[in-house]
């Protein structure tokens, strides 16, 4: 029974409403239809082939593992994937893409002969409801359709198809220059069939879309290729109808292989979306920033004082967490979870990230929105009464609430940026009172969150543990980079939270015991934190060291430039949901900082 490949073996394709992951062997193992957060139609990623997949590649003997492509790449600066196999009978190419949606969502796969005559096979096994429901597959004219409950998926191809073992197959041979296309289209089962696809026309339109979008990028530094690929990935994780940005297109890819740290990331975290907005603004993408701001205002409307840390991609508030016991999990990492119970947590740092994003939008000239300013004032009004409460913090701990230093720092950021908004004359507010509040928060952090003996800030008030989120203190302007407490914190994190490779853990974990986060088990190095360290090193003048770390981090990307959430230093592989916005955003930010440092002789 074939199981999923390594996380870094996957490529991302998508239409900015949902996404598919395609392995090196030509297998699409993950696809939710019609939205990122819909039930998966291919869930083999979290189980086996029995849970749904679609493989297109060279024919191979029954029982043998399908061959991995010898080469693959994205076509230029696009999300069009090309995979090539060199076989004893010749070379073949498969082009995979999802066209930006005009009607029904489509996944298109075009097989192209390059040399020789290559026998090929398409094997399509639809399984709705995360692999649990076997659909009714039948012919409607020249088309095949799989139907179960509210869902239908239509298969269109010029190749002959046949059914066997609850799977739709097609065996065919391609010669040089010959192209055979396969398209699946999702449609509500009660609706008329979707329009017949135009694979070649859709390919041209998809390439043109991405080329035109990339032309708006204002970054032209030495890391442009890495930045462009990260920007394309962030765009692919944006739900076009609303502007919401998912943290990742997957659920339950483990932070610890075989462990239980498996979470659903197919939602819009305010924190992740806010920092994504900042990166997009810094690289010239104002329309995406405007769309996200509008999403935020709709999601929060009517109840800003009860700000959630995450919402559904259309602003939904109810994201109840459940487990799917029929899925064994990626490499037997269970449970598989859908929904996310952390939506109900108190994370005070979110107020700072949202306010910082709104501030940056204002500073970069995004057209003013009066309600955005009103929202900002109301958020600070809430913080004024609640900033000194314990919370679950940036890492969504499932243990007791604490006075996390990062949460307090970001509360300071929220107040500071709002003071700047008032000082600009664009809004009115209690300026002197909030200046006092800003000073109170700053003093509280420096007195209660700083360990004088070790010369470092700590994870929470009164604790000895460190936390990589403390690396954001200079980046947020809470203290200047040359402050001895900042330098001491950076050096302490390098000593106590770094792996032998120089990458950074979020915080200490406790193995089989429940740690500070309330969970047993360990995890890999958190890639965002490692980028933050590179940023800090550049800020304190250690630019060569920052550049070396940054380029080591670039080396962790897969062959297509994609990053998961974490890097496992023991197994030397990517772990966590994939691809992860929270990894690609700081990649962009660090590239910008290093480029600026080089420009000024740093």
Protein backbone atom coordinates (compact mmCIF):
# COMPACT_ATOMS: atom_id res chain seq x y z
CA UNK A 1 0.00 0.00 0.00
CA UNK A 2 1.62 3.24 -1.15
CA UNK A 3 1.84 5.98 1.46
CA UNK A 4 2.70 9.65 1.22
CA UNK A 5 6.14 10.96 0.34
CA UNK A 6 8.38 13.16 2.47
CA UNK A 7 6.91 16.59 3.08
CA UNK A 8 9.60 18.27 1.00
CA UNK A 9 8.80 15.93 -1.91
CA UNK A 10 5.60 17.87 -2.58
CA UNK A 11 4.87 20.75 -4.93
CA UNK A 12 2.10 23.29 -4.45
CA UNK A 13 -0.37 24.19 -7.15
CA UNK A 14 -3.49 26.24 -6.57
CA UNK A 15 -6.11 28.67 -7.85
CA UNK A 16 -6.20 31.09 -4.87
CA UNK A 17 -9.27 29.37 -3.48
CA UNK A 18 -7.87 25.92 -2.79
CA UNK A 19 -4.63 24.04 -3.42
CA UNK A 20 -3.26 20.61 -4.28
CA UNK A 21 0.00 18.96 -3.26
CA UNK A 22 1.71 16.89 -5.98
CA UNK A 23 4.50 14.46 -5.07
CA UNK A 24 7.66 13.76 -7.09
CA UNK A 25 6.11 10.56 -8.41
CA UNK A 26 3.22 12.47 -10.00
CA UNK A 27 0.69 11.74 -7.24
CA UNK A 28 -1.70 14.44 -6.08
CA UNK A 29 -2.17 13.34 -2.47
CA UNK A 30 -4.02 16.35 -1.07
CA UNK A 31 -6.87 18.44 -2.48
CA UNK A 32 -9.81 20.05 -0.70
CA UNK A 33 -12.78 21.14 -2.83
CA UNK A 34 -14.01 23.75 -3.39
CA UNK A 35 -12.16 25.76 -0.68
CA UNK A 36 -8.97 25.44 1.35
CA UNK A 37 -11.03 24.42 4.39
CA UNK A 38 -13.45 22.08 2.61
CA UNK A 39 -13.40 18.33 3.11
CA UNK A 40 -10.53 16.68 1.23
CA UNK A 41 -11.25 14.71 -1.93
CA UNK A 42 -7.65 13.41 -1.96
CA UNK A 43 -6.50 12.65 1.59
CA UNK A 44 -3.75 10.13 0.85
CA UNK A 45 -1.30 12.58 2.41
CA UNK A 46 -2.73 11.68 5.82
CA UNK A 47 -3.21 7.99 5.17
CA UNK A 48 -2.83 5.70 2.18
CA UNK A 49 -4.07 5.49 -1.40
CA UNK A 50 -7.35 4.17 0.01
CA UNK A 51 -8.07 7.73 1.17
CA UNK A 52 -7.91 9.31 -2.28
CA UNK A 53 -5.21 10.24 -4.79
CA UNK A 54 -4.55 10.98 -8.47
CA UNK A 55 -1.35 9.74 -10.05
CA UNK A 56 -0.22 10.58 -13.58
CA UNK A 57 3.17 9.20 -14.59
CA UNK A 58 5.01 6.50 -16.52
CA UNK A 59 3.45 3.06 -16.31
CA UNK A 60 5.20 0.81 -13.80
CA UNK A 61 4.88 -2.86 -12.78
CA UNK A 62 2.06 -3.74 -10.41
CA UNK A 63 3.26 -3.76 -6.84
CA UNK A 64 6.32 -1.65 -7.58
CA UNK A 65 6.71 1.89 -6.26
CA UNK A 66 5.92 4.53 -8.90
CA UNK A 67 9.10 6.19 -10.19
CA UNK A 68 9.97 9.67 -9.02
CA UNK A 69 10.43 12.37 -11.64
CA UNK A 70 14.04 12.94 -12.67
CA UNK A 71 13.46 16.71 -12.87
CA UNK A 72 10.78 19.15 -11.88
CA UNK A 73 10.42 22.90 -11.79
CA UNK A 74 7.90 25.69 -11.90
CA UNK A 75 7.54 27.29 -15.31
CA UNK A 76 9.30 30.59 -14.78
CA UNK A 77 7.72 32.75 -12.10
CA UNK A 78 4.42 30.88 -11.99
CA UNK A 79 2.56 28.15 -10.15
CA UNK A 80 2.61 25.85 -13.18
CA UNK A 81 4.52 22.68 -12.33
CA UNK A 82 6.53 20.64 -14.84
CA UNK A 83 7.78 17.14 -13.95
CA UNK A 84 9.93 15.07 -16.32
CA UNK A 85 10.75 11.37 -16.29
CA UNK A 86 13.56 9.71 -18.25
CA UNK A 87 12.44 6.12 -18.91
CA UNK A 88 14.01 3.28 -20.92
CA UNK A 89 11.53 4.11 -23.68
CA UNK A 90 11.95 7.86 -23.74
CA UNK A 91 11.28 11.08 -21.85
CA UNK A 92 7.87 12.41 -20.86
CA UNK A 93 6.70 15.63 -19.21
CA UNK A 94 3.60 16.24 -17.06
CA UNK A 95 2.34 19.82 -16.64
CA UNK A 96 0.17 20.37 -13.56
CA UNK A 97 -1.74 23.53 -12.69
CA UNK A 98 -4.98 24.97 -11.35
CA UNK A 99 -6.20 27.95 -13.41
CA UNK A 100 -7.31 31.06 -11.48
CA UNK A 101 -10.97 30.35 -11.06
CA UNK A 102 -13.50 31.62 -13.59
CA UNK A 103 -16.14 28.97 -12.89
CA UNK A 104 -15.74 25.49 -11.46
CA UNK A 105 -12.45 24.73 -9.67
CA UNK A 106 -10.21 22.67 -11.93
CA UNK A 107 -7.03 20.62 -11.64
CA UNK A 108 -5.50 20.15 -15.09
CA UNK A 109 -2.75 17.67 -15.97
CA UNK A 110 -1.23 17.72 -19.47
CA UNK A 111 1.02 14.83 -20.51
CA UNK A 112 3.55 15.76 -23.20
CA UNK A 113 5.86 13.39 -25.06
CA UNK A 114 9.45 14.64 -25.25
CA UNK A 115 11.32 11.72 -26.84
CA UNK A 116 10.63 8.08 -27.66
CA UNK A 117 7.28 6.42 -27.04
CA UNK A 118 6.45 6.30 -23.33
CA UNK A 119 3.62 4.18 -21.85
CA UNK A 120 1.69 6.24 -19.30
CA UNK A 121 -1.00 5.64 -16.71
CA UNK A 122 -3.49 7.89 -14.97
CA UNK A 123 -5.03 6.44 -11.78
CA UNK A 124 -7.77 8.53 -10.16
CA UNK A 125 -9.33 7.47 -6.87
CA UNK A 126 -11.84 10.01 -5.56
CA UNK A 127 -12.71 9.74 -1.87
CA UNK A 128 -14.89 12.45 -0.40
CA UNK A 129 -15.11 13.53 3.24
CA UNK A 130 -11.39 13.09 3.99
CA UNK A 131 -11.17 9.62 2.47
CA UNK A 132 -14.22 8.16 4.16
CA UNK A 133 -16.83 8.23 1.37
CA UNK A 134 -16.57 6.20 -1.84
CA UNK A 135 -18.50 8.07 -4.58
CA UNK A 136 -20.75 6.69 -7.30
CA UNK A 137 -18.72 6.91 -10.52
CA UNK A 138 -20.53 6.74 -13.85
CA UNK A 139 -20.42 8.01 -17.42
CA UNK A 140 -22.41 10.96 -18.76
CA UNK A 141 -21.72 10.93 -22.47
CA UNK A 142 -17.94 11.15 -22.95
CA UNK A 143 -17.45 12.42 -19.42
CA UNK A 144 -16.99 10.58 -16.12
CA UNK A 145 -18.47 11.91 -12.89
CA UNK A 146 -17.96 10.90 -9.25
CA UNK A 147 -20.92 11.82 -7.01
CA UNK A 148 -21.38 11.61 -3.24
CA UNK A 149 -23.85 13.73 -1.29
CA UNK A 150 -23.31 17.42 -2.10
CA UNK A 151 -20.15 16.87 -4.18
CA UNK A 152 -19.45 15.90 -7.74
CA UNK A 153 -16.15 15.78 -9.59
CA UNK A 154 -16.10 15.53 -13.37
CA UNK A 155 -13.25 13.97 -15.35
CA UNK A 156 -12.62 15.12 -18.93
CA UNK A 157 -9.97 13.59 -21.18
CA UNK A 158 -9.48 12.44 -24.75
CA UNK A 159 -7.86 9.24 -23.47
CA UNK A 160 -9.88 6.07 -22.96
CA UNK A 161 -10.75 5.30 -19.33
CA UNK A 162 -11.84 2.20 -17.45
CA UNK A 163 -12.80 1.36 -13.90
CA UNK A 164 -11.11 -1.20 -11.66
CA UNK A 165 -10.91 -1.59 -7.87
CA UNK A 166 -12.99 1.55 -7.33
CA UNK A 167 -10.43 3.56 -9.31
CA UNK A 168 -10.62 5.22 -12.75
CA UNK A 169 -7.65 4.33 -14.95
CA UNK A 170 -6.34 5.42 -18.31
CA UNK A 171 -3.46 3.66 -20.10
CA UNK A 172 -1.97 5.40 -23.14
CA UNK A 173 1.31 6.11 -24.93
CA UNK A 174 2.77 9.50 -25.88
CA UNK A 175 5.20 10.29 -28.69
CA UNK A 176 7.35 13.43 -29.16
CA UNK A 177 5.16 16.53 -29.32
CA UNK A 178 1.98 14.64 -28.51
CA UNK A 179 -0.13 16.05 -25.63
CA UNK A 180 -2.90 14.33 -23.71
CA UNK A 181 -4.88 16.39 -21.19
CA UNK A 182 -6.83 15.35 -18.10
CA UNK A 183 -9.08 17.75 -16.17
CA UNK A 184 -11.11 17.27 -13.02
CA UNK A 185 -13.73 19.91 -12.18
CA UNK A 186 -15.73 20.17 -8.95
CA UNK A 187 -19.40 21.11 -9.01
CA UNK A 188 -22.22 20.92 -6.42
CA UNK A 189 -23.91 17.63 -7.24
CA UNK A 190 -27.34 19.23 -7.63
CA UNK A 191 -26.10 21.63 -10.35
CA UNK A 192 -25.72 21.23 -14.09
CA UNK A 193 -22.42 19.72 -15.28
CA UNK A 194 -19.52 22.19 -15.38
CA UNK A 195 -18.49 23.61 -18.73
CA UNK A 196 -16.14 21.55 -20.85
CA UNK A 197 -12.55 22.53 -20.02
CA UNK A 198 -10.03 24.13 -22.38
CA UNK A 199 -6.72 22.80 -21.02
CA UNK A 200 -4.40 24.53 -23.48
CA UNK A 201 -6.16 27.87 -23.27
CA UNK A 202 -6.23 27.61 -19.48
CA UNK A 203 -2.49 26.88 -19.42
CA UNK A 204 -1.73 30.02 -21.41
CA UNK A 205 -4.03 32.14 -19.24
CA UNK A 206 -2.55 30.75 -16.01
CA UNK A 207 1.02 31.49 -17.08
CA UNK A 208 0.03 35.00 -18.16
CA UNK A 209 -1.72 35.63 -14.85
CA UNK A 210 1.37 34.77 -12.79
CA UNK A 211 3.79 36.61 -15.07
CA UNK A 212 1.71 39.77 -14.85
CA UNK A 213 1.37 39.47 -11.08
CA UNK A 214 5.10 39.01 -10.51
CA UNK A 215 5.86 42.14 -12.54
CA UNK A 216 4.48 44.25 -9.67
CA UNK A 217 7.26 43.12 -7.30
CA UNK A 218 9.48 46.05 -6.32
CA UNK A 219 12.32 43.93 -4.87
CA UNK A 220 15.29 43.49 -7.20
CA UNK A 221 18.02 42.46 -4.75
CA UNK A 222 20.37 39.47 -4.73
CA UNK A 223 17.75 37.11 -3.28
CA UNK A 224 15.08 37.93 -5.85
CA UNK A 225 14.42 34.33 -6.93
CA UNK A 226 13.78 33.20 -3.34
CA UNK A 227 11.65 36.27 -2.62
CA UNK A 228 9.56 35.83 -5.77
CA UNK A 229 8.88 32.17 -5.02
CA UNK A 230 7.85 33.05 -1.47
CA UNK A 231 5.57 35.84 -2.73
CA UNK A 232 3.92 33.49 -5.23
CA UNK A 233 3.38 31.01 -2.40
CA UNK A 234 1.77 33.70 -0.22
CA UNK A 235 -0.46 34.74 -3.11
CA UNK A 236 -1.46 31.09 -3.59
CA UNK A 237 -2.46 30.94 0.09
CA UNK A 238 -4.79 33.93 -0.30
CA UNK A 239 -8.49 33.15 -0.68
CA UNK A 240 -9.30 35.45 -3.59
CA UNK A 241 -13.04 36.01 -2.96
CA UNK A 242 -12.47 37.52 0.48
CA UNK A 243 -8.77 38.41 0.83
CA UNK A 244 -8.31 36.04 3.78
CA UNK A 245 -4.92 34.32 3.96
CA UNK A 246 -4.58 30.73 5.20
CA UNK A 247 -1.58 29.81 7.35
CA UNK A 248 -1.06 26.68 5.21
CA UNK A 249 -3.22 24.60 2.84
CA UNK A 250 -2.91 21.44 4.96
CA UNK A 251 -3.96 19.97 8.28
CA UNK A 252 -2.16 17.64 10.67
CA UNK A 253 1.25 17.42 9.03
CA UNK A 254 3.18 16.71 12.23
CA UNK A 255 5.65 18.96 14.00
CA UNK A 256 7.12 15.74 15.42
CA UNK A 257 7.02 12.66 13.14
CA UNK A 258 4.92 10.02 14.88
CA UNK A 259 3.76 12.49 17.53
CA UNK A 260 0.51 14.25 18.32
CA UNK A 261 1.44 17.90 17.60
CA UNK A 262 -0.81 17.93 14.55
CA UNK A 263 -3.02 20.96 13.87
CA UNK A 264 -5.31 22.31 11.19
CA UNK A 265 -3.79 25.40 9.56
CA UNK A 266 -6.40 26.04 6.83
CA UNK A 267 -7.68 29.18 8.51
CA UNK A 268 -6.74 32.83 8.72
CA UNK A 269 -4.64 33.62 11.76
CA UNK A 270 -4.66 37.36 12.35
CA UNK A 271 -0.98 37.17 13.28
CA UNK A 272 0.10 35.27 10.17
CA UNK A 273 -2.09 37.33 7.89
CA UNK A 274 -0.88 40.61 9.40
CA UNK A 275 2.79 39.79 8.89
CA UNK A 276 1.97 38.54 5.38
CA UNK A 277 0.32 41.87 4.69
CA UNK A 278 3.47 43.64 5.85
CA UNK A 279 5.67 41.63 3.48
CA UNK A 280 3.31 42.22 0.57
CA UNK A 281 3.27 45.96 1.22
CA UNK A 282 7.08 46.10 1.39
CA UNK A 283 7.34 44.40 -1.99
CA UNK A 284 4.74 46.45 -3.86
CA UNK A 285 1.52 44.45 -3.50
CA UNK A 286 -0.98 47.02 -2.34
CA UNK A 287 -4.11 45.39 -3.75
CA UNK A 288 -3.60 42.26 -1.62
CA UNK A 289 -3.05 44.49 1.40
CA UNK A 290 -6.25 46.40 0.71
CA UNK A 291 -8.21 43.15 0.29
CA UNK A 292 -6.86 41.77 3.57
CA UNK A 293 -7.73 44.98 5.42
CA UNK A 294 -11.29 44.72 4.12
CA UNK A 295 -11.42 41.07 5.20
CA UNK A 296 -10.25 42.07 8.66
CA UNK A 297 -12.87 44.76 9.03
CA UNK A 298 -15.64 42.34 8.02
CA UNK A 299 -14.37 39.54 10.26
CA UNK A 300 -14.05 41.72 13.34
CA UNK A 301 -17.14 43.85 12.67
CA UNK A 302 -19.62 44.01 15.51
CA UNK A 303 -17.39 42.47 18.16
CA UNK A 304 -13.86 43.91 18.08
CA UNK A 305 -13.45 43.62 21.83
CA UNK A 306 -13.68 39.82 21.50
CA UNK A 307 -11.01 39.59 18.85
CA UNK A 308 -10.32 35.98 17.89
CA UNK A 309 -6.80 34.89 17.00
CA UNK A 310 -8.11 33.20 13.86
CA UNK A 311 -11.18 33.09 11.66
CA UNK A 312 -12.42 31.11 8.71
CA UNK A 313 -11.32 32.32 5.28
CA UNK A 314 -14.60 34.18 4.86
CA UNK A 315 -14.54 35.47 8.45
CA UNK A 316 -16.31 32.55 10.14
CA UNK A 317 -15.91 32.47 13.93
CA UNK A 318 -16.86 28.86 14.74
CA UNK A 319 -13.86 26.58 14.04
CA UNK A 320 -14.63 23.68 16.35
CA UNK A 321 -11.86 21.08 16.60
CA UNK A 322 -12.52 17.39 15.89
CA UNK A 323 -10.50 14.25 15.21
CA UNK A 324 -10.81 11.92 12.20
CA UNK A 325 -10.12 8.41 13.55
CA UNK A 326 -10.34 6.66 10.16
CA UNK A 327 -7.17 8.47 8.99
CA UNK A 328 -3.94 7.03 10.46
CA UNK A 329 -2.11 10.31 9.98
CA UNK A 330 1.01 11.28 8.08
CA UNK A 331 3.60 8.55 8.84
CA UNK A 332 1.24 7.37 11.60
CA UNK A 333 1.27 10.76 13.33
CA UNK A 334 -2.11 10.85 15.00
CA UNK A 335 -4.60 12.20 15.66
CA UNK A 336 -5.66 13.89 12.44
CA UNK A 337 -7.48 17.07 13.41
CA UNK A 338 -9.86 19.38 11.56
CA UNK A 339 -10.93 22.70 12.99
CA UNK A 340 -8.81 24.41 15.62
CA UNK A 341 -9.70 24.83 19.26
CA UNK A 342 -7.08 27.56 19.68
CA UNK A 343 -9.57 29.94 18.07
CA UNK A 344 -11.03 30.48 21.54
CA UNK A 345 -7.73 31.37 23.19
CA UNK A 346 -6.69 34.77 24.52
CA UNK A 347 -3.53 35.91 22.74
CA UNK A 348 -2.87 39.55 23.48
CA UNK A 349 -0.03 39.80 20.97
CA UNK A 350 -2.58 39.67 18.14
CA UNK A 351 -3.67 43.21 18.96
CA UNK A 352 -0.12 44.37 18.30
CA UNK A 353 0.28 42.48 15.02
CA UNK A 354 -3.03 43.78 13.66
CA UNK A 355 -2.30 47.35 14.72
CA UNK A 356 1.21 47.16 13.25
CA UNK A 357 -0.25 45.96 9.93
CA UNK A 358 -2.83 48.76 9.88
CA UNK A 359 -0.08 51.26 10.76
CA UNK A 360 2.14 50.04 7.92
CA UNK A 361 -0.78 50.24 5.49
CA UNK A 362 -1.36 53.82 6.60
CA UNK A 363 2.34 54.72 6.33
CA UNK A 364 2.68 53.28 2.81
CA UNK A 365 -0.23 55.33 1.52
CA UNK A 366 -2.97 52.74 1.30
CA UNK A 367 -6.22 54.65 0.84
CA UNK A 368 -7.64 55.61 4.20
CA UNK A 369 -10.51 53.61 5.66
CA UNK A 370 -12.26 55.42 8.47
CA UNK A 371 -13.57 52.24 10.04
CA UNK A 372 -10.03 50.84 10.20
CA UNK A 373 -9.05 53.82 12.35
CA UNK A 374 -12.13 53.39 14.52
CA UNK A 375 -11.32 49.69 14.91
CA UNK A 376 -7.76 50.53 15.96
CA UNK A 377 -9.01 52.89 18.67
CA UNK A 378 -11.47 50.31 19.96
CA UNK A 379 -8.77 47.64 20.11
CA UNK A 380 -6.60 49.89 22.26
CA UNK A 381 -9.59 50.68 24.44
CA UNK A 382 -9.85 46.93 25.10
CA UNK A 383 -6.11 46.54 25.70
CA UNK A 384 -6.17 49.40 28.19
CA UNK A 385 -8.21 47.20 30.53
CA UNK A 386 -6.73 43.79 29.67
CA UNK A 387 -3.02 44.11 28.74
CA UNK A 388 -1.93 43.04 32.22
CA UNK A 389 -3.83 39.72 32.11
CA UNK A 390 -2.13 36.35 31.48
CA UNK A 391 -2.79 34.72 28.10
CA UNK A 392 -1.90 31.69 25.98
CA UNK A 393 0.68 33.63 23.98
CA UNK A 394 1.94 33.52 20.42
CA UNK A 395 2.53 29.75 20.46
CA UNK A 396 -1.03 28.84 21.52
CA UNK A 397 0.01 26.87 24.58
CA UNK A 398 -2.47 24.33 25.85
CA UNK A 399 -1.18 24.70 29.41
CA UNK A 400 -1.95 27.40 32.01
CA UNK A 401 -2.07 31.04 30.96
CA UNK A 402 1.02 33.09 31.74
CA UNK A 403 2.24 36.64 31.51
CA UNK A 404 4.17 36.07 28.29
CA UNK A 405 6.76 38.76 27.60
CA UNK A 406 6.11 38.75 23.87
CA UNK A 407 2.40 39.36 24.46
CA UNK A 408 3.20 42.40 26.61
CA UNK A 409 5.68 43.72 24.05
CA UNK A 410 3.08 43.47 21.31
CA UNK A 411 0.51 45.20 23.54
CA UNK A 412 3.08 48.03 23.76
CA UNK A 413 3.37 47.97 19.95
CA UNK A 414 -0.42 48.31 19.60
CA UNK A 415 -0.49 51.36 21.87
CA UNK A 416 2.64 52.89 20.31
CA UNK A 417 1.34 52.64 16.73
CA UNK A 418 -2.02 54.06 17.74
CA UNK A 419 -0.32 57.01 19.43
CA UNK A 420 1.51 57.64 16.15
CA UNK A 421 -1.83 57.55 14.31
CA UNK A 422 -3.26 60.16 16.69
CA UNK A 423 -0.10 62.28 16.44
CA UNK A 424 -0.44 62.29 12.65
CA UNK A 425 -3.76 64.15 13.06
CA UNK A 426 -5.84 61.51 11.27
CA UNK A 427 -7.86 60.52 14.35
CA UNK A 428 -8.59 61.86 17.80
CA UNK A 429 -7.87 59.93 20.97
CA UNK A 430 -6.75 60.27 24.62
CA UNK A 431 -3.14 60.96 23.66
CA UNK A 432 -1.67 61.70 27.09
CA UNK A 433 -3.46 58.80 28.77
CA UNK A 434 -2.22 56.36 26.17
CA UNK A 435 1.30 57.73 26.35
CA UNK A 436 1.20 56.91 30.05
CA UNK A 437 -0.18 53.46 29.20
CA UNK A 438 2.67 52.88 26.75
CA UNK A 439 5.20 53.84 29.44
CA UNK A 440 3.48 51.61 32.00
CA UNK A 441 3.64 48.55 29.74
CA UNK A 442 7.27 49.22 28.83
CA UNK A 443 8.28 49.57 32.47
CA UNK A 444 6.35 46.45 33.46
CA UNK A 445 8.11 44.31 30.84
CA UNK A 446 11.56 45.61 31.71
CA UNK A 447 11.02 45.03 35.43
CA UNK A 448 9.21 41.68 35.39
CA UNK A 449 10.27 40.04 32.14
CA UNK A 450 14.02 40.59 32.36
CA UNK A 451 16.55 38.38 34.16
CA UNK A 452 19.34 40.70 35.32
CA UNK A 453 21.66 37.87 36.34
CA UNK A 454 21.62 36.27 32.91
CA UNK A 455 21.14 39.54 31.00
CA UNK A 456 18.19 38.23 28.99
CA UNK A 457 14.47 38.66 28.71
CA UNK A 458 12.53 35.50 29.55
CA UNK A 459 9.52 33.70 28.15
CA UNK A 460 7.15 34.90 30.85
CA UNK A 461 7.21 36.89 34.06
CA UNK A 462 9.14 35.06 36.75
CA UNK A 463 10.27 32.21 34.48
CA UNK A 464 13.78 31.09 33.58
CA UNK A 465 12.81 29.71 30.16
CA UNK A 466 13.72 31.52 26.98
CA UNK A 467 11.46 32.02 23.98
CA UNK A 468 12.44 32.81 20.41
CA UNK A 469 9.63 35.37 20.14
CA UNK A 470 11.87 37.63 22.26
CA UNK A 471 13.90 38.13 19.08
CA UNK A 472 11.14 40.47 17.92
CA UNK A 473 11.88 43.02 20.66
CA UNK A 474 14.29 45.10 18.54
CA UNK A 475 12.36 44.50 15.30
CA UNK A 476 9.24 46.00 16.85
CA UNK A 477 11.16 49.01 18.20
CA UNK A 478 10.51 48.14 21.85
CA UNK A 479 14.23 48.61 22.54
CA UNK A 480 17.04 49.67 20.20
CA UNK A 481 19.27 46.92 18.74
CA UNK A 482 22.35 48.17 20.59
CA UNK A 483 20.68 47.93 24.02
CA UNK A 484 22.71 45.51 26.17
CA UNK A 485 19.51 43.67 27.15
CA UNK A 486 18.68 43.04 23.50
CA UNK A 487 22.18 41.79 22.71
CA UNK A 488 22.14 39.62 25.83
CA UNK A 489 18.81 38.09 24.81
CA UNK A 490 20.03 37.32 21.29
CA UNK A 491 23.16 35.63 22.64
CA UNK A 492 21.20 33.68 25.27
CA UNK A 493 18.84 32.33 22.59
CA UNK A 494 21.84 31.33 20.47
CA UNK A 495 23.27 29.43 23.45
CA UNK A 496 20.13 27.81 24.82
CA UNK A 497 17.62 27.46 21.97
CA UNK A 498 19.84 26.78 18.96
CA UNK A 499 20.31 23.36 17.37
CA UNK A 500 23.79 22.13 16.38
CA UNK A 501 23.04 23.45 12.88
CA UNK A 502 22.45 26.94 14.28
CA UNK A 503 18.68 26.95 13.78
CA UNK A 504 16.30 28.07 16.52
CA UNK A 505 13.72 26.24 18.65
CA UNK A 506 10.65 28.17 19.76
CA UNK A 507 11.12 27.31 23.44
CA UNK A 508 12.23 24.30 25.51
CA UNK A 509 10.07 21.18 25.29
CA UNK A 510 10.07 18.32 27.79
CA UNK A 511 10.06 15.10 25.76
CA UNK A 512 7.56 12.63 27.16
CA UNK A 513 6.55 15.02 29.94
CA UNK A 514 4.16 17.92 29.46
CA UNK A 515 6.21 21.06 28.91
CA UNK A 516 5.43 24.74 29.26
CA UNK A 517 3.02 24.43 26.34
CA UNK A 518 1.00 21.73 28.11
CA UNK A 519 1.94 19.12 25.50
CA UNK A 520 4.19 16.09 25.55
CA UNK A 521 6.68 15.48 22.75
CA UNK A 522 9.35 17.56 21.08
CA UNK A 523 9.45 19.43 17.79
CA UNK A 524 11.86 20.71 15.18
CA UNK A 525 13.48 24.09 14.77
CA UNK A 526 10.83 26.67 13.99
CA UNK A 527 11.90 28.25 10.71
CA UNK A 528 10.37 31.68 11.34
CA UNK A 529 12.39 31.98 14.55
CA UNK A 530 15.58 31.14 12.70
CA UNK A 531 14.89 33.92 10.20
CA UNK A 532 14.20 36.27 13.14
CA UNK A 533 17.65 35.45 14.51
CA UNK A 534 19.23 36.32 11.16
CA UNK A 535 17.33 39.62 11.23
CA UNK A 536 18.54 40.43 14.72
CA UNK A 537 22.14 39.57 13.90
CA UNK A 538 22.00 42.00 10.99
CA UNK A 539 20.46 44.68 13.22
CA UNK A 540 23.29 44.43 15.78
CA UNK A 541 25.96 44.65 13.09
CA UNK A 542 26.82 40.96 12.71
CA UNK A 543 25.81 41.05 9.05
CA UNK A 544 28.15 38.34 7.77
CA UNK A 545 26.88 35.94 10.43
CA UNK A 546 23.29 36.91 9.56
CA UNK A 547 23.91 36.28 5.88
CA UNK A 548 25.47 32.87 6.55
CA UNK A 549 22.48 31.81 8.65
CA UNK A 550 20.03 33.15 6.05
CA UNK A 551 21.71 31.22 3.26
CA UNK A 552 21.73 28.06 5.37
CA UNK A 553 17.98 28.55 5.81
CA UNK A 554 17.54 28.98 2.07
CA UNK A 555 19.29 25.64 1.71
CA UNK A 556 16.50 23.96 3.69
CA UNK A 557 13.92 24.79 1.02
CA UNK A 558 12.91 21.95 -1.22
CA UNK A 559 13.94 21.92 -4.87
CA UNK A 560 10.97 24.16 -5.70
CA UNK A 561 11.76 26.79 -3.06
CA UNK A 562 9.06 25.75 -0.55
CA UNK A 563 9.25 25.57 3.24
CA UNK A 564 7.17 23.80 5.85
CA UNK A 565 6.71 25.12 9.37
CA UNK A 566 9.77 23.48 10.94
CA UNK A 567 13.04 21.63 10.30
CA UNK A 568 13.78 18.43 12.21
CA UNK A 569 17.54 18.53 12.94
CA UNK A 570 17.62 14.83 13.90
CA UNK A 571 15.90 13.53 10.79
CA UNK A 572 17.23 16.31 8.54
CA UNK A 573 13.85 16.90 6.95
CA UNK A 574 10.98 19.37 6.88
CA UNK A 575 8.09 18.88 9.31
CA UNK A 576 4.80 20.63 10.01
CA UNK A 577 2.13 21.97 7.71
CA UNK A 578 3.29 22.79 4.18
CA UNK A 579 3.92 25.19 2.65
CA UNK A 580 3.76 27.55 5.58
CA UNK A 581 3.12 31.30 5.26
CA UNK A 582 4.81 31.89 8.62
CA UNK A 583 8.07 30.55 7.14
CA UNK A 584 7.94 32.37 3.81
CA UNK A 585 7.08 35.79 5.26
CA UNK A 586 10.24 36.14 7.40
CA UNK A 587 12.29 34.81 4.47
CA UNK A 588 11.13 37.86 2.53
CA UNK A 589 11.69 40.23 5.44
CA UNK A 590 15.22 38.97 6.12
CA UNK A 591 16.11 39.22 2.43
CA UNK A 592 14.97 42.84 2.46
CA UNK A 593 16.96 43.61 5.59
CA UNK A 594 20.15 41.95 4.33
CA UNK A 595 19.83 43.73 1.02
CA UNK A 596 19.46 47.06 2.82
CA UNK A 597 22.43 46.23 5.08
CA UNK A 598 24.58 45.48 2.04
CA UNK A 599 23.49 48.70 0.35
CA UNK A 600 24.76 50.64 3.34
CA UNK A 601 28.00 48.73 3.61
CA UNK A 602 26.91 46.48 6.48
